[in-house]
Amino acid sequence: MKTGRAKFVPTKEQVLTVRVMTACGMPQSVICQQIINSETGKPVALKTLRLAFRDELDSGKSVANAMVAQSLFKKATAGTGP
């Protein structure tokens, strides 16, 4: 039987924070400092971040690229002719 610390379960707010910070290109080490483990009161470790937020970290670059593409498309099609 394994004993020790309970598995980290992120809140909805933490998921959103990681999603936004990843999309903005923030390093994972910086993101860790913003995600506090309620059990310990300390920032999560890099390993914990990667385990608990795998989907958000994997999709962050795609989200950022989509946001840039959308912004460029809007500017290009704004109809502000010469």
C-alpha atoms as a PDB file:
ATOM      1  CA  MET A   1       0.000   0.000   0.000  1.00  0.00           C
ATOM      2  CA  LYS A   2       1.383   3.353  -1.027  1.00  0.00           C
ATOM      3  CA  THR A   3       1.337   6.157   1.510  1.00  0.00           C
ATOM      4  CA  GLY A   4       2.347   9.776   1.317  1.00  0.00           C
ATOM      5  CA  ARG A   5       0.991  12.896  -0.190  1.00  0.00           C
ATOM      6  CA  ALA A   6      -2.370  12.944  -1.963  1.00  0.00           C
ATOM      7  CA  LYS A   7      -2.428  13.389  -5.735  1.00  0.00           C
ATOM      8  CA  PHE A   8      -2.513  17.046  -6.801  1.00  0.00           C
ATOM      9  CA  VAL A   9      -5.903  17.966  -8.260  1.00  0.00           C
ATOM     10  CA  PRO A  10      -5.954  21.341 -10.053  1.00  0.00           C
ATOM     11  CA  THR A  11      -8.797  23.807  -9.664  1.00  0.00           C
ATOM     12  CA  LYS A  12     -10.638  25.266 -12.660  1.00  0.00           C
ATOM     13  CA  GLU A  13      -8.878  28.570 -11.985  1.00  0.00           C
ATOM     14  CA  GLN A  14      -5.464  26.882 -12.036  1.00  0.00           C
ATOM     15  CA  VAL A  15      -6.299  25.140 -15.320  1.00  0.00           C
ATOM     16  CA  LEU A  16      -7.235  28.485 -16.848  1.00  0.00           C
ATOM     17  CA  THR A  17      -4.078  30.131 -15.477  1.00  0.00           C
ATOM     18  CA  VAL A  18      -1.852  27.443 -16.986  1.00  0.00           C
ATOM     19  CA  ARG A  19      -3.728  27.587 -20.302  1.00  0.00           C
ATOM     20  CA  VAL A  20      -3.326  31.367 -20.579  1.00  0.00           C
ATOM     21  CA  MET A  21       0.290  31.469 -19.414  1.00  0.00           C
ATOM     22  CA  THR A  22       1.237  28.659 -21.803  1.00  0.00           C
ATOM     23  CA  ALA A  23      -0.518  30.373 -24.714  1.00  0.00           C
ATOM     24  CA  CYS A  24       1.462  33.534 -23.922  1.00  0.00           C
ATOM     25  CA  GLY A  25       4.713  31.586 -24.132  1.00  0.00           C
ATOM     26  CA  MET A  26       5.643  31.680 -20.453  1.00  0.00           C
ATOM     27  CA  PRO A  27       8.296  29.145 -19.395  1.00  0.00           C
ATOM     28  CA  GLN A  28       7.017  26.211 -17.370  1.00  0.00           C
ATOM     29  CA  SER A  29       9.305  27.163 -14.479  1.00  0.00           C
ATOM     30  CA  VAL A  30       7.523  30.527 -14.250  1.00  0.00           C
ATOM     31  CA  ILE A  31       4.097  28.902 -14.494  1.00  0.00           C
ATOM     32  CA  CYS A  32       4.981  26.624 -11.555  1.00  0.00           C
ATOM     33  CA  GLN A  33       5.459  29.662  -9.334  1.00  0.00           C
ATOM     34  CA  GLN A  34       1.849  30.737  -9.969  1.00  0.00           C
ATOM     35  CA  ILE A  35       0.255  27.359  -9.202  1.00  0.00           C
ATOM     36  CA  ILE A  36       0.043  26.805  -5.463  1.00  0.00           C
ATOM     37  CA  ASN A  37      -0.600  23.354  -4.025  1.00  0.00           C
ATOM     38  CA  SER A  38      -3.357  23.773  -1.437  1.00  0.00           C
ATOM     39  CA  GLU A  39      -1.980  20.861   0.588  1.00  0.00           C
ATOM     40  CA  THR A  40       1.490  22.346   1.039  1.00  0.00           C
ATOM     41  CA  GLY A  41       0.935  26.049   0.393  1.00  0.00           C
ATOM     42  CA  LYS A  42       3.933  25.978  -1.952  1.00  0.00           C
ATOM     43  CA  PRO A  43       4.295  26.236  -5.732  1.00  0.00           C
ATOM     44  CA  VAL A  44       3.991  22.931  -7.566  1.00  0.00           C
ATOM     45  CA  ALA A  45       7.091  21.186  -8.832  1.00  0.00           C
ATOM     46  CA  LEU A  46       7.812  21.051 -12.554  1.00  0.00           C
ATOM     47  CA  LYS A  47       7.023  17.318 -12.563  1.00  0.00           C
ATOM     48  CA  THR A  48       3.637  17.977 -10.936  1.00  0.00           C
ATOM     49  CA  LEU A  49       2.867  20.755 -13.414  1.00  0.00           C
ATOM     50  CA  ARG A  50       3.609  18.447 -16.330  1.00  0.00           C
ATOM     51  CA  LEU A  51       1.499  15.610 -14.907  1.00  0.00           C
ATOM     52  CA  ALA A  52      -1.503  17.664 -13.803  1.00  0.00           C
ATOM     53  CA  PHE A  53      -1.651  20.053 -16.765  1.00  0.00           C
ATOM     54  CA  ARG A  54      -0.458  17.900 -19.672  1.00  0.00           C
ATOM     55  CA  ASP A  55      -3.305  18.875 -22.020  1.00  0.00           C
ATOM     56  CA  GLU A  56      -2.945  22.608 -21.331  1.00  0.00           C
ATOM     57  CA  LEU A  57       0.825  22.513 -21.829  1.00  0.00           C
ATOM     58  CA  ASP A  58       0.541  20.497 -25.048  1.00  0.00           C
ATOM     59  CA  SER A  59      -2.102  22.733 -26.603  1.00  0.00           C
ATOM     60  CA  GLY A  60      -0.607  26.070 -25.525  1.00  0.00           C
ATOM     61  CA  LYS A  61       1.480  26.675 -28.631  1.00  0.00           C
ATOM     62  CA  SER A  62      -1.446  25.859 -30.914  1.00  0.00           C
ATOM     63  CA  VAL A  63      -3.694  28.243 -29.007  1.00  0.00           C
ATOM     64  CA  ALA A  64      -1.117  31.018 -29.262  1.00  0.00           C
ATOM     65  CA  ASN A  65      -0.676  30.452 -33.000  1.00  0.00           C
ATOM     66  CA  ALA A  66      -4.433  30.515 -33.523  1.00  0.00           C
ATOM     67  CA  MET A  67      -4.745  33.784 -31.593  1.00  0.00           C
ATOM     68  CA  VAL A  68      -2.031  35.426 -33.702  1.00  0.00           C
ATOM     69  CA  ALA A  69      -3.541  34.119 -36.939  1.00  0.00           C
ATOM     70  CA  GLN A  70      -6.973  35.409 -35.945  1.00  0.00           C
ATOM     71  CA  SER A  71      -5.566  38.832 -35.118  1.00  0.00           C
ATOM     72  CA  LEU A  72      -3.682  39.045 -38.419  1.00  0.00           C
ATOM     73  CA  PHE A  73      -6.743  37.905 -40.362  1.00  0.00           C
ATOM     74  CA  LYS A  74      -8.922  40.568 -38.733  1.00  0.00           C
ATOM     75  CA  LYS A  75      -6.390  43.286 -39.586  1.00  0.00           C
ATOM     76  CA  ALA A  76      -6.025  42.040 -43.151  1.00  0.00           C
ATOM     77  CA  THR A  77      -9.755  41.953 -43.774  1.00  0.00           C
ATOM     78  CA  ALA A  78     -10.752  45.079 -41.866  1.00  0.00           C
ATOM     79  CA  GLY A  79     -11.515  46.881 -45.113  1.00  0.00           C
ATOM     80  CA  THR A  80      -9.367  49.918 -44.423  1.00  0.00           C
ATOM     81  CA  GLY A  81      -8.465  50.532 -48.039  1.00  0.00           C
ATOM     82  CA  PRO A  82      -5.786  52.924 -49.330  1.00  0.00           C
END
